[in-house]
Amino acid sequence: IWDLDAMREPMFIQKELFGARHEKTNRTIDSGAFLAAYLVRRYRLARGIWEEEEEGMSRTNNEEGNNIMLDDEDEMLPFFDILPTYQNLSSYHPILWTEDVRTKLLGKHTVSYDLVKSYGDMI
């Protein structure tokens, strides 16, 4: 599964994210954002915690007529179950570091600092 798969999803990605712009730069969002949003939505649908979901919209057919599972039968559930939680990631992932930690470990005016900051801003 990759960002192009996510872009095919009509009920949320195409409806809500096509044409979306980053609030800080006003640029269109990166294609990775489509995949991230798609996976989060599938996970939340499968767990029954997608609050804005309208009744009867938990399954859809893609353009080829294949049923896309968006419920507790979702074939992606085993994958979702092995992903780290935000709490797990926040203790060691660079984009979740505070500015003080980022500065201490990478230096304020370095390419590494700028890269980590830009990815954090993007997310």
Foldseek 3Di string as FASTA:
>chain_A
DALVVLCQDCPDCVVPQVVDAQPPPRHRADSRVSVVVSVVQLVCQQVVNPVPDDPPPQWDATPVRDIQHRYVVHPCVVVVVPDDDPVVCCVPPLLNDDLVVLCVVPNDPDPVSVVSPVVNSSD
